[in-house]
């Protein structure tokens, strides 16, 4: 029997600034696929420990991924990198090259690069 490796990533809608969880499943070693999203209050997410561990590898979105539960955006971005001090949190986001304002910390930057790691919690 194969054991599923599933985690939840905490995110915020770029438009409404409301919190949601992104379910990620490791389909192959270090290949994480987003396949579900759901609204969740930040206090509940903290109790569940959805920010207590790190996952690394490549990240993509399954064809069945419904997107952000508030605006239906199918992609997500991580605030971080470059020379700026950023929060390293996740939000629904636009395409490579577009400008994005982080709903967590307010940093505005051009989307570039690839996500290499994320804070996550186990989906029990």
PDB file of N, CA and C in Angstrom:
ATOM      1  N   UNK A   1       0.828  -1.170   0.000  1.00  0.00           N
ATOM      2  CA  UNK A   1       0.000   0.000   0.000  1.00  0.00           C
ATOM      3  C   UNK A   1       0.883   1.247   0.000  1.00  0.00           C
ATOM      4  N   UNK A   2       0.568   2.213  -0.839  1.00  0.00           N
ATOM      5  CA  UNK A   2       1.318   3.451  -0.945  1.00  0.00           C
ATOM      6  C   UNK A   2       0.721   4.487   0.006  1.00  0.00           C
ATOM      7  N   UNK A   3       1.602   5.152   0.739  1.00  0.00           N
ATOM      8  CA  UNK A   3       1.163   6.214   1.641  1.00  0.00           C
ATOM      9  C   UNK A   3       1.214   7.543   0.919  1.00  0.00           C
ATOM     10  N   UNK A   4       0.104   8.275   0.946  1.00  0.00           N
ATOM     11  CA  UNK A   4       0.061   9.595   0.324  1.00  0.00           C
ATOM     12  C   UNK A   4       0.853  10.588   1.157  1.00  0.00           C
ATOM     13  N   UNK A   5       1.614  11.441   0.479  1.00  0.00           N
ATOM     14  CA  UNK A   5       2.265  12.563   1.153  1.00  0.00           C
ATOM     15  C   UNK A   5       1.472  13.803   0.774  1.00  0.00           C
ATOM     16  N   UNK A   6       0.724  14.318   1.733  1.00  0.00           N
ATOM     17  CA  UNK A   6      -0.150  15.462   1.504  1.00  0.00           C
ATOM     18  C   UNK A   6       0.134  16.518   2.563  1.00  0.00           C
ATOM     19  N   UNK A   7       0.227  17.782   2.132  1.00  0.00           N
ATOM     20  CA  UNK A   7       0.411  18.902   3.052  1.00  0.00           C
ATOM     21  C   UNK A   7      -0.555  20.022   2.675  1.00  0.00           C
ATOM     22  N   UNK A   8      -0.708  20.962   3.594  1.00  0.00           N
ATOM     23  CA  UNK A   8      -1.527  22.146   3.347  1.00  0.00           C
ATOM     24  C   UNK A   8      -0.627  23.376   3.411  1.00  0.00           C
ATOM     25  N   UNK A   9      -0.740  24.222   2.404  1.00  0.00           N
ATOM     26  CA  UNK A   9      -0.017  25.487   2.336  1.00  0.00           C
ATOM     27  C   UNK A   9      -1.007  26.601   2.671  1.00  0.00           C
ATOM     28  N   UNK A  10      -0.642  27.482   3.572  1.00  0.00           N
ATOM     29  CA  UNK A  10      -1.496  28.635   3.871  1.00  0.00           C
ATOM     30  C   UNK A  10      -1.273  29.722   2.830  1.00  0.00           C
ATOM     31  N   UNK A  11      -2.364  30.325   2.375  1.00  0.00           N
ATOM     32  CA  UNK A  11      -2.291  31.367   1.345  1.00  0.00           C
ATOM     33  C   UNK A  11      -3.326  32.444   1.654  1.00  0.00           C
ATOM     34  N   UNK A  12      -3.208  33.553   0.923  1.00  0.00           N
ATOM     35  CA  UNK A  12      -4.194  34.635   1.004  1.00  0.00           C
ATOM     36  C   UNK A  12      -4.577  35.054  -0.396  1.00  0.00           C
ATOM     37  N   UNK A  13      -5.846  35.404  -0.557  1.00  0.00           N
ATOM     38  CA  UNK A  13      -6.333  35.907  -1.837  1.00  0.00           C
ATOM     39  C   UNK A  13      -5.746  37.307  -2.075  1.00  0.00           C
ATOM     40  N   UNK A  14      -5.203  37.513  -3.252  1.00  0.00           N
ATOM     41  CA  UNK A  14      -4.616  38.811  -3.608  1.00  0.00           C
ATOM     42  C   UNK A  14      -5.670  39.899  -3.728  1.00  0.00           C
ATOM     43  N   UNK A  15      -6.915  39.516  -3.959  1.00  0.00           N
ATOM     44  CA  UNK A  15      -7.995  40.488  -4.148  1.00  0.00           C
ATOM     45  C   UNK A  15      -8.740  40.779  -2.842  1.00  0.00           C
ATOM     46  N   UNK A  16      -9.210  39.730  -2.162  1.00  0.00           N
ATOM     47  CA  UNK A  16     -10.010  39.920  -0.950  1.00  0.00           C
ATOM     48  C   UNK A  16      -9.176  39.910   0.331  1.00  0.00           C
ATOM     49  N   UNK A  17      -7.946  39.419   0.235  1.00  0.00           N
ATOM     50  CA  UNK A  17      -7.038  39.270   1.381  1.00  0.00           C
ATOM     51  C   UNK A  17      -7.531  38.237   2.405  1.00  0.00           C
ATOM     52  N   UNK A  18      -8.466  37.394   2.010  1.00  0.00           N
ATOM     53  CA  UNK A  18      -8.965  36.341   2.891  1.00  0.00           C
ATOM     54  C   UNK A  18      -8.043  35.116   2.802  1.00  0.00           C
ATOM     55  N   UNK A  19      -7.966  34.367   3.887  1.00  0.00           N
ATOM     56  CA  UNK A  19      -7.085  33.200   3.978  1.00  0.00           C
ATOM     57  C   UNK A  19      -7.711  31.972   3.334  1.00  0.00           C
ATOM     58  N   UNK A  20      -6.824  31.127   2.800  1.00  0.00           N
ATOM     59  CA  UNK A  20      -7.261  29.826   2.307  1.00  0.00           C
ATOM     60  C   UNK A  20      -6.104  28.842   2.358  1.00  0.00           C
ATOM     61  N   UNK A  21      -6.440  27.562   2.322  1.00  0.00           N
ATOM     62  CA  UNK A  21      -5.435  26.509   2.309  1.00  0.00           C
ATOM     63  C   UNK A  21      -5.337  25.911   0.922  1.00  0.00           C
ATOM     64  N   UNK A  22      -4.129  25.523   0.545  1.00  0.00           N
ATOM     65  CA  UNK A  22      -3.891  24.822  -0.722  1.00  0.00           C
ATOM     66  C   UNK A  22      -3.391  23.423  -0.383  1.00  0.00           C
ATOM     67  N   UNK A  23      -4.106  22.411  -0.825  1.00  0.00           N
ATOM     68  CA  UNK A  23      -3.696  21.023  -0.610  1.00  0.00           C
ATOM     69  C   UNK A  23      -2.676  20.663  -1.679  1.00  0.00           C
ATOM     70  N   UNK A  24      -1.504  20.188  -1.233  1.00  0.00           N
ATOM     71  CA  UNK A  24      -0.445  19.773  -2.153  1.00  0.00           C
ATOM     72  C   UNK A  24      -0.164  18.288  -1.915  1.00  0.00           C
ATOM     73  N   UNK A  25      -0.041  17.548  -2.997  1.00  0.00           N
ATOM     74  CA  UNK A  25       0.302  16.136  -2.891  1.00  0.00           C
ATOM     75  C   UNK A  25       1.615  15.886  -3.623  1.00  0.00           C
ATOM     76  N   UNK A  26       2.500  15.121  -2.990  1.00  0.00           N
ATOM     77  CA  UNK A  26       3.772  14.763  -3.621  1.00  0.00           C
ATOM     78  C   UNK A  26       3.516  13.541  -4.507  1.00  0.00           C
ATOM     79  N   UNK A  27       3.430  13.765  -5.820  1.00  0.00           N
ATOM     80  CA  UNK A  27       3.110  12.689  -6.770  1.00  0.00           C
ATOM     81  C   UNK A  27       4.339  11.823  -7.048  1.00  0.00           C
ATOM     82  N   UNK A  28       5.502  12.462  -7.187  1.00  0.00           N
ATOM     83  CA  UNK A  28       6.797  11.809  -7.337  1.00  0.00           C
ATOM     84  C   UNK A  28       7.732  12.487  -6.343  1.00  0.00           C
ATOM     85  N   UNK A  29       8.882  11.881  -6.035  1.00  0.00           N
ATOM     86  CA  UNK A  29       9.774  12.541  -5.084  1.00  0.00           C
ATOM     87  C   UNK A  29      10.080  13.987  -5.486  1.00  0.00           C
ATOM     88  N   UNK A  30       9.822  14.911  -4.562  1.00  0.00           N
ATOM     89  CA  UNK A  30      10.076  16.353  -4.741  1.00  0.00           C
ATOM     90  C   UNK A  30       9.272  16.996  -5.867  1.00  0.00           C
ATOM     91  N   UNK A  31       8.157  16.396  -6.258  1.00  0.00           N
ATOM     92  CA  UNK A  31       7.262  16.990  -7.250  1.00  0.00           C
ATOM     93  C   UNK A  31       5.878  17.135  -6.612  1.00  0.00           C
ATOM     94  N   UNK A  32       5.571  18.379  -6.217  1.00  0.00           N
ATOM     95  CA  UNK A  32       4.346  18.689  -5.490  1.00  0.00           C
ATOM     96  C   UNK A  32       3.309  19.286  -6.430  1.00  0.00           C
ATOM     97  N   UNK A  33       2.071  18.775  -6.324  1.00  0.00           N
ATOM     98  CA  UNK A  33       0.981  19.206  -7.190  1.00  0.00           C
ATOM     99  C   UNK A  33      -0.157  19.766  -6.332  1.00  0.00           C
ATOM    100  N   UNK A  34      -0.581  20.995  -6.631  1.00  0.00           N
ATOM    101  CA  UNK A  34      -1.753  21.586  -5.959  1.00  0.00           C
ATOM    102  C   UNK A  34      -2.997  20.994  -6.601  1.00  0.00           C
ATOM    103  N   UNK A  35      -3.904  20.424  -5.761  1.00  0.00           N
ATOM    104  CA  UNK A  35      -5.091  19.797  -6.343  1.00  0.00           C
ATOM    105  C   UNK A  35      -6.407  20.218  -5.670  1.00  0.00           C
ATOM    106  N   UNK A  36      -6.328  21.087  -4.662  1.00  0.00           N
ATOM    107  CA  UNK A  36      -7.546  21.505  -3.981  1.00  0.00           C
ATOM    108  C   UNK A  36      -7.253  22.773  -3.195  1.00  0.00           C
ATOM    109  N   UNK A  37      -8.238  23.627  -3.010  1.00  0.00           N
ATOM    110  CA  UNK A  37      -8.113  24.836  -2.193  1.00  0.00           C
ATOM    111  C   UNK A  37      -9.412  25.031  -1.422  1.00  0.00           C
ATOM    112  N   UNK A  38      -9.296  25.580  -0.234  1.00  0.00           N
ATOM    113  CA  UNK A  38     -10.476  25.737   0.616  1.00  0.00           C
ATOM    114  C   UNK A  38     -10.292  26.932   1.550  1.00  0.00           C
ATOM    115  N   UNK A  39     -11.386  27.633   1.870  1.00  0.00           N
ATOM    116  CA  UNK A  39     -11.309  28.747   2.813  1.00  0.00           C
ATOM    117  C   UNK A  39     -10.951  28.227   4.207  1.00  0.00           C
ATOM    118  N   UNK A  40     -10.149  28.977   4.933  1.00  0.00           N
ATOM    119  CA  UNK A  40      -9.827  28.625   6.315  1.00  0.00           C
ATOM    120  C   UNK A  40      -9.449  29.896   7.071  1.00  0.00           C
ATOM    121  N   UNK A  41      -9.839  29.994   8.301  1.00  0.00           N
ATOM    122  CA  UNK A  41      -9.470  31.138   9.135  1.00  0.00           C
ATOM    123  C   UNK A  41      -8.031  30.954   9.606  1.00  0.00           C
ATOM    124  N   UNK A  42      -7.283  32.072   9.695  1.00  0.00           N
ATOM    125  CA  UNK A  42      -5.880  32.001  10.088  1.00  0.00           C
ATOM    126  C   UNK A  42      -5.688  31.377  11.465  1.00  0.00           C
ATOM    127  N   UNK A  43      -6.587  31.652  12.402  1.00  0.00           N
ATOM    128  CA  UNK A  43      -6.472  31.077  13.742  1.00  0.00           C
ATOM    129  C   UNK A  43      -6.579  29.549  13.686  1.00  0.00           C
ATOM    130  N   UNK A  44      -7.492  29.042  12.870  1.00  0.00           N
ATOM    131  CA  UNK A  44      -7.643  27.591  12.721  1.00  0.00           C
ATOM    132  C   UNK A  44      -6.408  26.985  12.067  1.00  0.00           C
ATOM    133  N   UNK A  45      -5.847  27.673  11.091  1.00  0.00           N
ATOM    134  CA  UNK A  45      -4.647  27.186  10.408  1.00  0.00           C
ATOM    135  C   UNK A  45      -3.466  27.105  11.373  1.00  0.00           C
ATOM    136  N   UNK A  46      -3.336  28.092  12.234  1.00  0.00           N
ATOM    137  CA  UNK A  46      -2.264  28.070  13.238  1.00  0.00           C
ATOM    138  C   UNK A  46      -2.443  26.887  14.187  1.00  0.00           C
ATOM    139  N   UNK A  47      -3.678  26.642  14.630  1.00  0.00           N
ATOM    140  CA  UNK A  47      -3.946  25.500  15.512  1.00  0.00           C
ATOM    141  C   UNK A  47      -3.588  24.182  14.833  1.00  0.00           C
ATOM    142  N   UNK A  48      -3.842  24.103  13.523  1.00  0.00           N
ATOM    143  CA  UNK A  48      -3.548  22.889  12.762  1.00  0.00           C
ATOM    144  C   UNK A  48      -2.058  22.746  12.449  1.00  0.00           C
ATOM    145  N   UNK A  49      -1.286  23.822  12.639  1.00  0.00           N
ATOM    146  CA  UNK A  49       0.152  23.769  12.369  1.00  0.00           C
ATOM    147  C   UNK A  49       0.490  23.801  10.893  1.00  0.00           C
ATOM    148  N   UNK A  50      -0.326  24.504  10.099  1.00  0.00           N
ATOM    149  CA  UNK A  50      -0.114  24.538   8.656  1.00  0.00           C
ATOM    150  C   UNK A  50       1.102  25.360   8.226  1.00  0.00           C
ATOM    151  N   UNK A  51       1.883  25.845   9.178  1.00  0.00           N
ATOM    152  CA  UNK A  51       3.092  26.602   8.845  1.00  0.00           C
ATOM    153  C   UNK A  51       4.314  26.053   9.579  1.00  0.00           C
ATOM    154  N   UNK A  52       4.240  24.824  10.050  1.00  0.00           N
ATOM    155  CA  UNK A  52       5.263  24.282  10.941  1.00  0.00           C
ATOM    156  C   UNK A  52       6.416  23.546  10.257  1.00  0.00           C
ATOM    157  N   UNK A  53       6.305  23.208   9.001  1.00  0.00           N
ATOM    158  CA  UNK A  53       7.386  22.486   8.336  1.00  0.00           C
ATOM    159  C   UNK A  53       7.631  23.063   6.950  1.00  0.00           C
ATOM    160  N   UNK A  54       8.678  22.578   6.309  1.00  0.00           N
ATOM    161  CA  UNK A  54       9.057  23.049   4.975  1.00  0.00           C
ATOM    162  C   UNK A  54       9.003  21.885   3.990  1.00  0.00           C
ATOM    163  N   UNK A  55       8.553  22.170   2.783  1.00  0.00           N
ATOM    164  CA  UNK A  55       8.660  21.195   1.698  1.00  0.00           C
ATOM    165  C   UNK A  55       9.471  21.853   0.589  1.00  0.00           C
ATOM    166  N   UNK A  56      10.181  21.046  -0.164  1.00  0.00           N
ATOM    167  CA  UNK A  56      11.034  21.575  -1.229  1.00  0.00           C
ATOM    168  C   UNK A  56      10.850  20.729  -2.481  1.00  0.00           C
ATOM    169  N   UNK A  57      11.192  21.324  -3.613  1.00  0.00           N
ATOM    170  CA  UNK A  57      11.095  20.621  -4.887  1.00  0.00           C
ATOM    171  C   UNK A  57      10.479  21.501  -5.948  1.00  0.00           C
ATOM    172  N   UNK A  58       9.773  20.876  -6.870  1.00  0.00           N
ATOM    173  CA  UNK A  58       9.059  21.626  -7.904  1.00  0.00           C
ATOM    174  C   UNK A  58       7.573  21.634  -7.558  1.00  0.00           C
ATOM    175  N   UNK A  59       6.903  22.724  -7.955  1.00  0.00           N
ATOM    176  CA  UNK A  59       5.500  22.919  -7.610  1.00  0.00           C
ATOM    177  C   UNK A  59       4.703  23.241  -8.862  1.00  0.00           C
ATOM    178  N   UNK A  60       3.564  22.564  -9.014  1.00  0.00           N
ATOM    179  CA  UNK A  60       2.699  22.842 -10.157  1.00  0.00           C
ATOM    180  C   UNK A  60       1.245  22.679  -9.734  1.00  0.00           C
ATOM    181  N   UNK A  61       0.359  22.940 -10.664  1.00  0.00           N
ATOM    182  CA  UNK A  61      -1.080  22.923 -10.407  1.00  0.00           C
ATOM    183  C   UNK A  61      -1.720  21.851 -11.274  1.00  0.00           C
ATOM    184  N   UNK A  62      -2.517  20.983 -10.654  1.00  0.00           N
ATOM    185  CA  UNK A  62      -3.247  19.943 -11.373  1.00  0.00           C
ATOM    186  C   UNK A  62      -4.373  20.569 -12.191  1.00  0.00           C
ATOM    187  N   UNK A  63      -4.754  19.912 -13.272  1.00  0.00           N
ATOM    188  CA  UNK A  63      -5.864  20.397 -14.105  1.00  0.00           C
ATOM    189  C   UNK A  63      -7.162  20.520 -13.319  1.00  0.00           C
ATOM    190  N   UNK A  64      -7.308  19.716 -12.266  1.00  0.00           N
ATOM    191  CA  UNK A  64      -8.538  19.744 -11.466  1.00  0.00           C
ATOM    192  C   UNK A  64      -8.506  20.787 -10.351  1.00  0.00           C
ATOM    193  N   UNK A  65      -7.379  21.467 -10.160  1.00  0.00           N
ATOM    194  CA  UNK A  65      -7.263  22.470  -9.099  1.00  0.00           C
ATOM    195  C   UNK A  65      -8.297  23.572  -9.328  1.00  0.00           C
ATOM    196  N   UNK A  66      -9.170  23.837  -8.332  1.00  0.00           N
ATOM    197  CA  UNK A  66     -10.243  24.817  -8.537  1.00  0.00           C
ATOM    198  C   UNK A  66      -9.783  26.273  -8.451  1.00  0.00           C
ATOM    199  N   UNK A  67      -8.567  26.496  -7.954  1.00  0.00           N
ATOM    200  CA  UNK A  67      -8.078  27.856  -7.791  1.00  0.00           C
ATOM    201  C   UNK A  67      -8.479  28.440  -6.455  1.00  0.00           C
ATOM    202  N   UNK A  68      -8.152  29.695  -6.282  1.00  0.00           N
ATOM    203  CA  UNK A  68      -8.470  30.426  -5.052  1.00  0.00           C
ATOM    204  C   UNK A  68      -9.979  30.367  -4.815  1.00  0.00           C
ATOM    205  N   UNK A  69     -10.407  30.032  -3.599  1.00  0.00           N
ATOM    206  CA  UNK A  69     -11.851  29.947  -3.337  1.00  0.00           C
ATOM    207  C   UNK A  69     -12.568  31.295  -3.370  1.00  0.00           C
ATOM    208  N   UNK A  70     -11.834  32.394  -3.450  1.00  0.00           N
ATOM    209  CA  UNK A  70     -12.449  33.721  -3.461  1.00  0.00           C
ATOM    210  C   UNK A  70     -12.463  34.355  -4.851  1.00  0.00           C
ATOM    211  N   UNK A  71     -11.371  34.193  -5.620  1.00  0.00           N
ATOM    212  CA  UNK A  71     -11.307  34.858  -6.940  1.00  0.00           C
ATOM    213  C   UNK A  71     -11.087  33.871  -8.096  1.00  0.00           C
ATOM    214  N   UNK A  72     -10.885  32.591  -7.770  1.00  0.00           N
ATOM    215  CA  UNK A  72     -10.711  31.506  -8.738  1.00  0.00           C
ATOM    216  C   UNK A  72      -9.401  31.571  -9.531  1.00  0.00           C
ATOM    217  N   UNK A  73      -8.446  32.411  -9.104  1.00  0.00           N
ATOM    218  CA  UNK A  73      -7.124  32.456  -9.737  1.00  0.00           C
ATOM    219  C   UNK A  73      -6.472  31.087  -9.571  1.00  0.00           C
ATOM    220  N   UNK A  74      -5.974  30.513 -10.659  1.00  0.00           N
ATOM    221  CA  UNK A  74      -5.431  29.155 -10.623  1.00  0.00           C
ATOM    222  C   UNK A  74      -3.948  29.088 -10.279  1.00  0.00           C
ATOM    223  N   UNK A  75      -3.253  30.207 -10.344  1.00  0.00           N
ATOM    224  CA  UNK A  75      -1.825  30.186 -10.018  1.00  0.00           C
ATOM    225  C   UNK A  75      -1.586  30.797  -8.640  1.00  0.00           C
ATOM    226  N   UNK A  76      -0.403  30.524  -8.089  1.00  0.00           N
ATOM    227  CA  UNK A  76      -0.034  31.122  -6.809  1.00  0.00           C
ATOM    228  C   UNK A  76       1.425  31.540  -6.854  1.00  0.00           C
ATOM    229  N   UNK A  77       1.753  32.521  -6.019  1.00  0.00           N
ATOM    230  CA  UNK A  77       3.106  33.068  -5.963  1.00  0.00           C
ATOM    231  C   UNK A  77       3.567  33.112  -4.511  1.00  0.00           C
ATOM    232  N   UNK A  78       4.887  33.159  -4.336  1.00  0.00           N
ATOM    233  CA  UNK A  78       5.485  33.285  -3.008  1.00  0.00           C
ATOM    234  C   UNK A  78       6.222  34.608  -2.947  1.00  0.00           C
ATOM    235  N   UNK A  79       5.948  35.382  -1.921  1.00  0.00           N
ATOM    236  CA  UNK A  79       6.620  36.659  -1.711  1.00  0.00           C
ATOM    237  C   UNK A  79       8.014  36.368  -1.167  1.00  0.00           C
ATOM    238  N   UNK A  80       9.057  36.739  -1.907  1.00  0.00           N
ATOM    239  CA  UNK A  80      10.403  36.495  -1.405  1.00  0.00           C
ATOM    240  C   UNK A  80      11.450  36.562  -2.487  1.00  0.00           C
ATOM    241  N   UNK A  81      12.680  36.382  -2.058  1.00  0.00           N
ATOM    242  CA  UNK A  81      13.804  36.405  -2.977  1.00  0.00           C
ATOM    243  C   UNK A  81      14.297  37.810  -3.227  1.00  0.00           C
ATOM    244  N   UNK A  82      15.131  37.972  -4.229  1.00  0.00           N
ATOM    245  CA  UNK A  82      15.683  39.259  -4.638  1.00  0.00           C
ATOM    246  C   UNK A  82      16.432  39.920  -3.484  1.00  0.00           C
ATOM    247  N   UNK A  83      16.564  41.216  -3.544  1.00  0.00           N
ATOM    248  CA  UNK A  83      17.296  41.961  -2.531  1.00  0.00           C
ATOM    249  C   UNK A  83      16.388  42.521  -1.450  1.00  0.00           C
ATOM    250  N   UNK A  84      15.097  42.436  -1.643  1.00  0.00           N
ATOM    251  CA  UNK A  84      14.140  43.030  -0.723  1.00  0.00           C
ATOM    252  C   UNK A  84      13.802  42.089   0.422  1.00  0.00           C
ATOM    253  N   UNK A  85      13.496  42.667   1.563  1.00  0.00           N
ATOM    254  CA  UNK A  85      13.021  41.889   2.703  1.00  0.00           C
ATOM    255  C   UNK A  85      11.539  41.611   2.474  1.00  0.00           C
ATOM    256  N   UNK A  86      11.195  40.358   2.261  1.00  0.00           N
ATOM    257  CA  UNK A  86       9.809  39.983   1.978  1.00  0.00           C
ATOM    258  C   UNK A  86       9.350  38.922   2.949  1.00  0.00           C
ATOM    259  N   UNK A  87       8.052  38.673   2.987  1.00  0.00           N
ATOM    260  CA  UNK A  87       7.482  37.811   4.028  1.00  0.00           C
ATOM    261  C   UNK A  87       7.550  36.313   3.727  1.00  0.00           C
ATOM    262  N   UNK A  88       7.826  35.928   2.484  1.00  0.00           N
ATOM    263  CA  UNK A  88       7.916  34.516   2.082  1.00  0.00           C
ATOM    264  C   UNK A  88       6.598  33.755   2.216  1.00  0.00           C
ATOM    265  N   UNK A  89       5.471  34.465   2.182  1.00  0.00           N
ATOM    266  CA  UNK A  89       4.164  33.810   2.259  1.00  0.00           C
ATOM    267  C   UNK A  89       3.547  33.686   0.869  1.00  0.00           C
ATOM    268  N   UNK A  90       2.518  32.855   0.768  1.00  0.00           N
ATOM    269  CA  UNK A  90       1.904  32.498  -0.516  1.00  0.00           C
ATOM    270  C   UNK A  90       0.585  33.230  -0.710  1.00  0.00           C
ATOM    271  N   UNK A  91       0.311  33.594  -1.954  1.00  0.00           N
ATOM    272  CA  UNK A  91      -0.977  34.181  -2.327  1.00  0.00           C
ATOM    273  C   UNK A  91      -1.329  33.741  -3.741  1.00  0.00           C
ATOM    274  N   UNK A  92      -2.610  33.858  -4.077  1.00  0.00           N
ATOM    275  CA  UNK A  92      -2.969  33.617  -5.467  1.00  0.00           C
ATOM    276  C   UNK A  92      -2.309  34.728  -6.275  1.00  0.00           C
ATOM    277  N   UNK A  93      -1.920  34.447  -7.504  1.00  0.00           N
ATOM    278  CA  UNK A  93      -1.154  35.451  -8.233  1.00  0.00           C
ATOM    279  C   UNK A  93      -1.289  35.355  -9.720  1.00  0.00           C
ATOM    280  N   UNK A  94      -0.590  36.246 -10.392  1.00  0.00           N
ATOM    281  CA  UNK A  94      -0.659  36.353 -11.840  1.00  0.00           C
ATOM    282  C   UNK A  94       0.415  35.552 -12.544  1.00  0.00           C
ATOM    283  N   UNK A  95       0.722  35.996 -13.738  1.00  0.00           N
ATOM    284  CA  UNK A  95       1.666  35.295 -14.605  1.00  0.00           C
ATOM    285  C   UNK A  95       3.073  35.850 -14.459  1.00  0.00           C
ATOM    286  N   UNK A  96       4.056  35.072 -14.901  1.00  0.00           N
ATOM    287  CA  UNK A  96       5.445  35.520 -14.933  1.00  0.00           C
ATOM    288  C   UNK A  96       5.519  36.876 -15.624  1.00  0.00           C
ATOM    289  N   UNK A  97       6.270  37.799 -15.042  1.00  0.00           N
ATOM    290  CA  UNK A  97       6.460  39.114 -15.644  1.00  0.00           C
ATOM    291  C   UNK A  97       5.452  40.162 -15.210  1.00  0.00           C
ATOM    292  N   UNK A  98       4.307  39.745 -14.667  1.00  0.00           N
ATOM    293  CA  UNK A  98       3.315  40.727 -14.221  1.00  0.00           C
ATOM    294  C   UNK A  98       3.697  41.243 -12.828  1.00  0.00           C
ATOM    295  N   UNK A  99       3.140  42.393 -12.450  1.00  0.00           N
ATOM    296  CA  UNK A  99       3.404  42.940 -11.123  1.00  0.00           C
ATOM    297  C   UNK A  99       2.340  42.443 -10.156  1.00  0.00           C
ATOM    298  N   UNK A 100       2.767  42.197  -8.934  1.00  0.00           N
ATOM    299  CA  UNK A 100       1.907  41.603  -7.916  1.00  0.00           C
ATOM    300  C   UNK A 100       2.144  42.313  -6.590  1.00  0.00           C
ATOM    301  N   UNK A 101       1.069  42.604  -5.864  1.00  0.00           N
ATOM    302  CA  UNK A 101       1.183  43.154  -4.521  1.00  0.00           C
ATOM    303  C   UNK A 101       0.818  42.060  -3.527  1.00  0.00           C
ATOM    304  N   UNK A 102       1.746  41.753  -2.642  1.00  0.00           N
ATOM    305  CA  UNK A 102       1.530  40.697  -1.646  1.00  0.00           C
ATOM    306  C   UNK A 102       0.430  41.115  -0.672  1.00  0.00           C
ATOM    307  N   UNK A 103      -0.622  40.289  -0.501  1.00  0.00           N
ATOM    308  CA  UNK A 103      -1.695  40.632   0.432  1.00  0.00           C
ATOM    309  C   UNK A 103      -1.301  40.448   1.902  1.00  0.00           C
ATOM    310  N   UNK A 104      -0.144  39.856   2.161  1.00  0.00           N
ATOM    311  CA  UNK A 104       0.334  39.673   3.533  1.00  0.00           C
ATOM    312  C   UNK A 104       1.124  40.891   4.015  1.00  0.00           C
ATOM    313  N   UNK A 105       2.095  41.343   3.196  1.00  0.00           N
ATOM    314  CA  UNK A 105       3.010  42.394   3.666  1.00  0.00           C
ATOM    315  C   UNK A 105       2.970  43.674   2.834  1.00  0.00           C
ATOM    316  N   UNK A 106       2.268  43.658   1.697  1.00  0.00           N
ATOM    317  CA  UNK A 106       2.137  44.849   0.870  1.00  0.00           C
ATOM    318  C   UNK A 106       3.272  45.093  -0.116  1.00  0.00           C
ATOM    319  N   UNK A 107       4.272  44.210  -0.158  1.00  0.00           N
ATOM    320  CA  UNK A 107       5.374  44.371  -1.103  1.00  0.00           C
ATOM    321  C   UNK A 107       4.857  44.238  -2.531  1.00  0.00           C
ATOM    322  N   UNK A 108       5.254  45.165  -3.404  1.00  0.00           N
ATOM    323  CA  UNK A 108       4.881  45.092  -4.811  1.00  0.00           C
ATOM    324  C   UNK A 108       6.137  44.775  -5.616  1.00  0.00           C
ATOM    325  N   UNK A 109       6.060  43.742  -6.444  1.00  0.00           N
ATOM    326  CA  UNK A 109       7.219  43.316  -7.221  1.00  0.00           C
ATOM    327  C   UNK A 109       6.759  42.585  -8.474  1.00  0.00           C
ATOM    328  N   UNK A 110       7.686  42.457  -9.399  1.00  0.00           N
ATOM    329  CA  UNK A 110       7.416  41.723 -10.628  1.00  0.00           C
ATOM    330  C   UNK A 110       7.583  40.230 -10.345  1.00  0.00           C
ATOM    331  N   UNK A 111       6.644  39.420 -10.819  1.00  0.00           N
ATOM    332  CA  UNK A 111       6.700  37.975 -10.625  1.00  0.00           C
ATOM    333  C   UNK A 111       7.791  37.406 -11.532  1.00  0.00           C
ATOM    334  N   UNK A 112       8.711  36.657 -10.908  1.00  0.00           N
ATOM    335  CA  UNK A 112       9.788  36.027 -11.679  1.00  0.00           C
ATOM    336  C   UNK A 112      10.303  34.815 -10.915  1.00  0.00           C
ATOM    337  N   UNK A 113      10.966  33.934 -11.617  1.00  0.00           N
ATOM    338  CA  UNK A 113      11.577  32.777 -10.983  1.00  0.00           C
ATOM    339  C   UNK A 113      10.582  31.679 -10.674  1.00  0.00           C
ATOM    340  N   UNK A 114      11.049  30.745  -9.859  1.00  0.00           N
ATOM    341  CA  UNK A 114      10.252  29.580  -9.509  1.00  0.00           C
ATOM    342  C   UNK A 114      10.283  29.375  -8.000  1.00  0.00           C
ATOM    343  N   UNK A 115       9.216  28.838  -7.468  1.00  0.00           N
ATOM    344  CA  UNK A 115       9.164  28.518  -6.043  1.00  0.00           C
ATOM    345  C   UNK A 115       9.993  27.255  -5.822  1.00  0.00           C
ATOM    346  N   UNK A 116      10.897  27.292  -4.833  1.00  0.00           N
ATOM    347  CA  UNK A 116      11.750  26.144  -4.524  1.00  0.00           C
ATOM    348  C   UNK A 116      11.376  25.461  -3.215  1.00  0.00           C
ATOM    349  N   UNK A 117      10.735  26.225  -2.285  1.00  0.00           N
ATOM    350  CA  UNK A 117      10.315  25.627  -1.018  1.00  0.00           C
ATOM    351  C   UNK A 117       9.137  26.417  -0.465  1.00  0.00           C
ATOM    352  N   UNK A 118       8.361  25.747   0.385  1.00  0.00           N
ATOM    353  CA  UNK A 118       7.168  26.353   0.985  1.00  0.00           C
ATOM    354  C   UNK A 118       7.023  25.890   2.426  1.00  0.00           C
ATOM    355  N   UNK A 119       6.455  26.745   3.266  1.00  0.00           N
ATOM    356  CA  UNK A 119       6.069  26.338   4.619  1.00  0.00           C
ATOM    357  C   UNK A 119       4.756  25.580   4.503  1.00  0.00           C
ATOM    358  N   UNK A 120       4.654  24.490   5.234  1.00  0.00           N
ATOM    359  CA  UNK A 120       3.476  23.636   5.095  1.00  0.00           C
ATOM    360  C   UNK A 120       3.160  22.948   6.413  1.00  0.00           C
ATOM    361  N   UNK A 121       2.027  22.314   6.445  1.00  0.00           N
ATOM    362  CA  UNK A 121       1.634  21.477   7.576  1.00  0.00           C
ATOM    363  C   UNK A 121       1.011  20.207   7.036  1.00  0.00           C
ATOM    364  N   UNK A 122       1.068  19.171   7.819  1.00  0.00           N
ATOM    365  CA  UNK A 122       0.515  17.889   7.380  1.00  0.00           C
ATOM    366  C   UNK A 122      -1.003  17.929   7.369  1.00  0.00           C
ATOM    367  N   UNK A 123      -1.597  17.278   6.381  1.00  0.00           N
ATOM    368  CA  UNK A 123      -3.046  17.126   6.302  1.00  0.00           C
ATOM    369  C   UNK A 123      -3.376  15.769   6.910  1.00  0.00           C
ATOM    370  N   UNK A 124      -3.858  15.777   8.136  1.00  0.00           N
ATOM    371  CA  UNK A 124      -4.099  14.516   8.848  1.00  0.00           C
ATOM    372  C   UNK A 124      -5.464  13.960   8.592  1.00  0.00           C
TER     373      UNK A 124
END
